[in-house]
């Protein structure tokens, strides 16, 4: 169909411009009170005293500290950071798998012939609410709580990641298992197979790649979280970064930041390789 010709001198106008302008105005009206309530004042970054302190701190970044004693300490703390992330994710996996299996409705034998029975339904709702509770509290808050219980050190970081990520993994695992084709699982259940047999031979084969991909992604996120948890005494690179920042040791901060960026880049490359191999 040929385009309609516009009269000479007339500029084409977007028919949806009024709604777009209205949405933009509404967004500003809603966001402005939030910025006021949060005391968001970005212009303070350009205050003379702030600029002077920032310039002095950044000047100390060059050159980064690279003596053998400090690098050896960083190697130990980097390994500890990775260990915290890996152990925390392992604990999260142990929490998430039972929650996901209980939450997945397609593995319910009672729902094959009609509505799910009351007891299995309540059990599934309980598992889903448990996952909500676990993931609703950030790992940083869990770490603060467990630092008071078990003291400073990696244990609190491992438990914090395990609890918070256990709720996240449990929710996503259940959604992945529910998103696949239900017919193989239901066929196995109808022919006398148990729930675990139906899971391993009906549900898992079609969802394994997606499950592994998300787990590897969460491991990458756990490495970032383990650094943040170091600021509350969970050990690793985060604790060293906190100590260096408090002492205004710019050279040490620069080295730790470089190591952290290399660590995240390495984790990203490793996760990409695993996704490619499993895909």
Protein backbone atom coordinates (compact mmCIF):
# COMPACT_ATOMS: atom_id res chain seq x y z
CA UNK A 1 0.00 0.00 0.00
CA UNK A 2 1.59 3.34 -1.02
CA UNK A 3 2.36 5.84 1.72
CA UNK A 4 0.06 8.85 1.94
CA UNK A 5 1.66 12.07 0.73
CA UNK A 6 1.74 14.95 3.22
CA UNK A 7 0.85 18.47 2.17
CA UNK A 8 3.82 20.66 1.32
CA UNK A 9 5.41 22.25 4.39
CA UNK A 10 3.68 19.95 6.88
CA UNK A 11 5.94 18.07 9.34
CA UNK A 12 4.86 14.49 10.25
CA UNK A 13 3.82 14.14 13.89
CA UNK A 14 4.05 11.10 16.13
CA UNK A 15 0.46 10.06 17.00
CA UNK A 16 1.56 8.77 20.41
CA UNK A 17 3.50 11.87 21.48
CA UNK A 18 0.86 13.00 23.95
CA UNK A 19 0.86 9.69 25.85
CA UNK A 20 4.66 9.62 25.91
CA UNK A 21 4.87 13.16 27.26
CA UNK A 22 2.20 12.32 29.83
CA UNK A 23 4.11 9.25 31.02
CA UNK A 24 7.33 11.27 31.24
CA UNK A 25 5.62 13.96 33.34
CA UNK A 26 4.04 11.29 35.58
CA UNK A 27 7.44 9.62 36.09
CA UNK A 28 8.99 12.95 37.11
CA UNK A 29 6.10 13.69 39.49
CA UNK A 30 6.48 10.27 41.13
CA UNK A 31 10.29 10.24 41.26
CA UNK A 32 10.78 13.77 42.57
CA UNK A 33 9.38 13.07 46.11
CA UNK A 34 11.51 9.94 46.27
CA UNK A 35 14.64 11.91 45.44
CA UNK A 36 13.73 14.46 48.10
CA UNK A 37 12.99 11.83 50.77
CA UNK A 38 16.27 10.02 50.07
CA UNK A 39 18.18 13.34 50.26
CA UNK A 40 19.72 12.69 46.86
CA UNK A 41 22.21 15.51 46.35
CA UNK A 42 24.64 14.63 43.55
CA UNK A 43 25.97 18.19 43.38
CA UNK A 44 27.79 17.58 46.67
CA UNK A 45 30.23 15.43 44.70
CA UNK A 46 31.49 18.62 43.08
CA UNK A 47 32.00 20.50 46.34
CA UNK A 48 35.53 21.87 46.71
CA UNK A 49 36.33 19.76 49.78
CA UNK A 50 34.89 16.60 48.17
CA UNK A 51 36.91 17.14 45.01
CA UNK A 52 40.08 17.73 47.01
CA UNK A 53 39.63 14.55 49.08
CA UNK A 54 38.74 12.53 45.99
CA UNK A 55 41.76 13.78 44.06
CA UNK A 56 44.12 12.95 46.93
CA UNK A 57 42.63 9.46 47.34
CA UNK A 58 42.80 8.72 43.60
CA UNK A 59 46.34 10.06 43.39
CA UNK A 60 47.44 7.38 45.85
CA UNK A 61 46.07 4.70 43.48
CA UNK A 62 49.12 5.05 41.23
CA UNK A 63 51.10 2.92 41.38
CA UNK A 64 49.11 0.05 42.94
CA UNK A 65 50.87 -1.81 45.72
CA UNK A 66 52.65 -4.81 44.24
CA UNK A 67 55.29 -5.99 46.70
CA UNK A 68 55.64 -9.75 47.17
CA UNK A 69 54.33 -9.82 50.75
CA UNK A 70 51.14 -7.95 49.89
CA UNK A 71 50.50 -9.97 46.72
CA UNK A 72 50.90 -13.20 48.67
CA UNK A 73 48.31 -11.97 51.16
CA UNK A 74 45.99 -11.06 48.27
CA UNK A 75 46.42 -14.53 46.77
CA UNK A 76 45.32 -16.12 50.05
CA UNK A 77 42.34 -13.76 50.39
CA UNK A 78 41.32 -14.28 46.76
CA UNK A 79 41.26 -18.03 47.29
CA UNK A 80 39.26 -17.50 50.47
CA UNK A 81 36.75 -15.36 48.57
CA UNK A 82 36.26 -18.04 45.93
CA UNK A 83 36.00 -20.69 48.64
CA UNK A 84 33.31 -18.70 50.47
CA UNK A 85 31.31 -18.32 47.26
CA UNK A 86 31.63 -21.98 46.29
CA UNK A 87 30.86 -23.36 49.74
CA UNK A 88 27.93 -20.95 50.10
CA UNK A 89 26.49 -21.98 46.76
CA UNK A 90 26.89 -25.66 47.64
CA UNK A 91 24.90 -25.06 50.82
CA UNK A 92 22.33 -23.10 48.79
CA UNK A 93 22.03 -26.01 46.36
CA UNK A 94 21.35 -28.39 49.24
CA UNK A 95 18.58 -26.07 50.45
CA UNK A 96 17.14 -25.32 47.01
CA UNK A 97 16.75 -28.83 45.61
CA UNK A 98 14.27 -30.08 48.25
CA UNK A 99 12.33 -26.80 48.06
CA UNK A 100 12.12 -27.04 44.27
CA UNK A 101 11.07 -30.69 44.24
CA UNK A 102 8.35 -30.08 46.82
CA UNK A 103 7.18 -26.88 45.08
CA UNK A 104 6.85 -28.48 41.62
CA UNK A 105 3.19 -29.36 41.17
CA UNK A 106 3.73 -31.64 38.17
CA UNK A 107 5.52 -34.15 40.42
CA UNK A 108 2.39 -34.55 42.55
CA UNK A 109 0.73 -37.95 42.15
CA UNK A 110 -2.51 -36.74 43.76
CA UNK A 111 -3.05 -34.11 41.03
CA UNK A 112 -3.13 -36.63 38.19
CA UNK A 113 -6.79 -37.50 38.66
CA UNK A 114 -8.09 -34.06 39.62
CA UNK A 115 -7.39 -31.20 42.03
CA UNK A 116 -4.38 -31.68 44.27
CA UNK A 117 -5.11 -33.18 47.70
CA UNK A 118 -5.14 -30.85 50.69
CA UNK A 119 -2.01 -32.16 52.42
CA UNK A 120 0.26 -32.02 49.30
CA UNK A 121 -1.16 -28.58 48.46
CA UNK A 122 -0.35 -27.23 51.92
CA UNK A 123 3.11 -28.80 51.77
CA UNK A 124 3.82 -27.10 48.44
CA UNK A 125 2.57 -23.74 49.68
CA UNK A 126 4.76 -24.11 52.76
CA UNK A 127 7.82 -24.79 50.58
CA UNK A 128 7.07 -21.77 48.40
CA UNK A 129 6.65 -19.51 51.42
CA UNK A 130 9.90 -20.85 52.88
CA UNK A 131 11.69 -19.89 49.67
CA UNK A 132 10.11 -16.42 49.86
CA UNK A 133 11.28 -15.93 53.44
CA UNK A 134 14.83 -17.09 52.68
CA UNK A 135 15.32 -14.86 49.64
CA UNK A 136 13.46 -11.82 50.98
CA UNK A 137 16.28 -11.06 53.45
CA UNK A 138 19.51 -10.00 51.66
CA UNK A 139 22.65 -12.02 52.26
CA UNK A 140 24.27 -8.93 53.81
CA UNK A 141 21.64 -8.92 56.57
CA UNK A 142 22.03 -12.67 57.10
CA UNK A 143 25.80 -12.15 57.41
CA UNK A 144 25.32 -9.42 60.02
CA UNK A 145 23.12 -11.78 62.03
CA UNK A 146 25.48 -14.74 61.84
CA UNK A 147 28.54 -12.64 62.64
CA UNK A 148 26.91 -12.10 66.02
CA UNK A 149 26.29 -15.85 66.38
CA UNK A 150 29.47 -17.51 65.07
CA UNK A 151 31.83 -14.53 65.18
CA UNK A 152 33.96 -12.91 62.50
CA UNK A 153 35.20 -15.11 59.68
CA UNK A 154 34.15 -16.96 56.54
CA UNK A 155 31.55 -19.15 58.31
CA UNK A 156 29.05 -16.32 58.55
CA UNK A 157 29.53 -15.51 54.85
CA UNK A 158 29.04 -19.12 53.77
CA UNK A 159 25.84 -19.45 55.80
CA UNK A 160 24.52 -16.09 54.58
CA UNK A 161 25.03 -16.99 50.92
CA UNK A 162 23.64 -20.47 51.49
CA UNK A 163 20.40 -19.20 53.03
CA UNK A 164 19.70 -16.26 50.71
CA UNK A 165 20.74 -18.05 47.53
CA UNK A 166 18.92 -21.20 48.64
CA UNK A 167 15.62 -19.31 48.44
CA UNK A 168 16.54 -17.79 45.06
CA UNK A 169 17.66 -21.09 43.55
CA UNK A 170 14.64 -22.93 44.95
CA UNK A 171 12.22 -20.49 43.32
CA UNK A 172 13.95 -20.44 39.93
CA UNK A 173 14.54 -24.20 39.91
CA UNK A 174 10.82 -24.78 40.49
CA UNK A 175 9.90 -22.36 37.68
CA UNK A 176 12.33 -24.06 35.28
CA UNK A 177 10.96 -27.51 36.13
CA UNK A 178 7.39 -26.27 35.67
CA UNK A 179 8.14 -24.65 32.29
CA UNK A 180 9.03 -27.87 30.48
CA UNK A 181 6.75 -30.39 28.80
CA UNK A 182 4.65 -32.12 31.46
CA UNK A 183 3.67 -35.17 29.39
CA UNK A 184 6.79 -37.34 29.98
CA UNK A 185 6.62 -36.81 33.74
CA UNK A 186 2.88 -37.44 33.94
CA UNK A 187 3.18 -40.55 31.76
CA UNK A 188 5.76 -42.01 34.12
CA UNK A 189 3.64 -41.19 37.17
CA UNK A 190 0.53 -42.76 35.61
CA UNK A 191 2.44 -45.95 34.87
CA UNK A 192 3.57 -46.48 38.44
CA UNK A 193 6.89 -44.65 38.61
CA UNK A 194 7.79 -42.81 41.80
CA UNK A 195 8.22 -39.09 42.02
CA UNK A 196 12.02 -39.24 42.03
CA UNK A 197 12.04 -41.64 39.07
CA UNK A 198 9.67 -39.33 37.19
CA UNK A 199 11.89 -36.39 38.03
CA UNK A 200 15.16 -37.99 36.90
CA UNK A 201 13.77 -39.58 33.73
CA UNK A 202 10.96 -37.19 32.76
CA UNK A 203 11.58 -33.67 34.05
CA UNK A 204 15.34 -33.35 34.54
CA UNK A 205 16.55 -34.31 31.01
CA UNK A 206 14.65 -31.47 29.35
CA UNK A 207 15.59 -28.88 32.01
CA UNK A 208 19.18 -29.82 32.89
CA UNK A 209 20.90 -27.30 30.62
CA UNK A 210 18.86 -24.40 31.92
CA UNK A 211 19.32 -25.52 35.52
CA UNK A 212 23.11 -25.76 35.18
CA UNK A 213 23.30 -22.43 33.35
CA UNK A 214 21.42 -20.61 36.10
CA UNK A 215 23.47 -22.33 38.82
CA UNK A 216 26.74 -21.22 37.21
CA UNK A 217 25.38 -17.69 36.92
CA UNK A 218 24.53 -17.71 40.61
CA UNK A 219 28.05 -18.89 41.42
CA UNK A 220 29.37 -15.84 39.59
CA UNK A 221 27.00 -13.65 41.64
CA UNK A 222 28.11 -15.41 44.84
CA UNK A 223 31.71 -14.34 44.17
CA UNK A 224 30.57 -10.72 44.04
CA UNK A 225 28.48 -11.20 47.18
CA UNK A 226 31.38 -12.78 49.08
CA UNK A 227 33.41 -9.60 48.48
CA UNK A 228 30.60 -7.43 49.80
CA UNK A 229 30.14 -9.68 52.83
CA UNK A 230 33.77 -9.08 53.72
CA UNK A 231 32.78 -5.55 54.78
CA UNK A 232 30.81 -7.01 57.71
CA UNK A 233 33.61 -9.29 58.85
CA UNK A 234 33.08 -12.38 56.69
CA UNK A 235 36.70 -12.39 55.50
CA UNK A 236 38.19 -12.46 52.03
CA UNK A 237 38.94 -9.59 49.68
CA UNK A 238 36.06 -7.52 51.00
CA UNK A 239 37.50 -7.35 54.49
CA UNK A 240 40.92 -6.37 53.14
CA UNK A 241 39.28 -3.69 50.98
CA UNK A 242 37.40 -2.36 53.99
CA UNK A 243 40.59 -2.16 56.05
CA UNK A 244 42.51 -0.45 53.25
CA UNK A 245 39.71 2.07 52.67
CA UNK A 246 39.54 2.98 56.36
CA UNK A 247 43.30 3.60 56.35
CA UNK A 248 43.04 5.66 53.12
CA UNK A 249 45.63 3.33 51.58
CA UNK A 250 44.93 4.13 47.95
CA UNK A 251 47.67 1.88 46.55
CA UNK A 252 46.26 -1.14 48.39
CA UNK A 253 42.71 -0.28 47.34
CA UNK A 254 43.80 -0.09 43.70
CA UNK A 255 45.45 -3.52 43.85
CA UNK A 256 42.42 -5.11 45.50
CA UNK A 257 40.06 -3.56 42.94
CA UNK A 258 42.21 -4.83 40.07
CA UNK A 259 42.26 -8.33 41.57
CA UNK A 260 38.51 -8.21 42.06
CA UNK A 261 37.89 -7.16 38.45
CA UNK A 262 40.17 -9.94 37.19
CA UNK A 263 38.40 -12.44 39.42
CA UNK A 264 34.95 -11.44 38.14
CA UNK A 265 36.22 -11.51 34.55
CA UNK A 266 37.64 -15.00 35.09
CA UNK A 267 34.37 -16.18 36.62
CA UNK A 268 32.47 -14.72 33.68
CA UNK A 269 34.71 -16.50 31.18
CA UNK A 270 34.40 -19.77 33.08
CA UNK A 271 30.61 -19.52 33.24
CA UNK A 272 30.46 -18.68 29.53
CA UNK A 273 32.62 -21.71 28.71
CA UNK A 274 30.43 -23.99 30.83
CA UNK A 275 27.25 -22.69 29.22
CA UNK A 276 28.77 -23.28 25.78
CA UNK A 277 29.87 -26.81 26.65
CA UNK A 278 26.52 -27.69 28.17
CA UNK A 279 24.54 -26.01 25.41
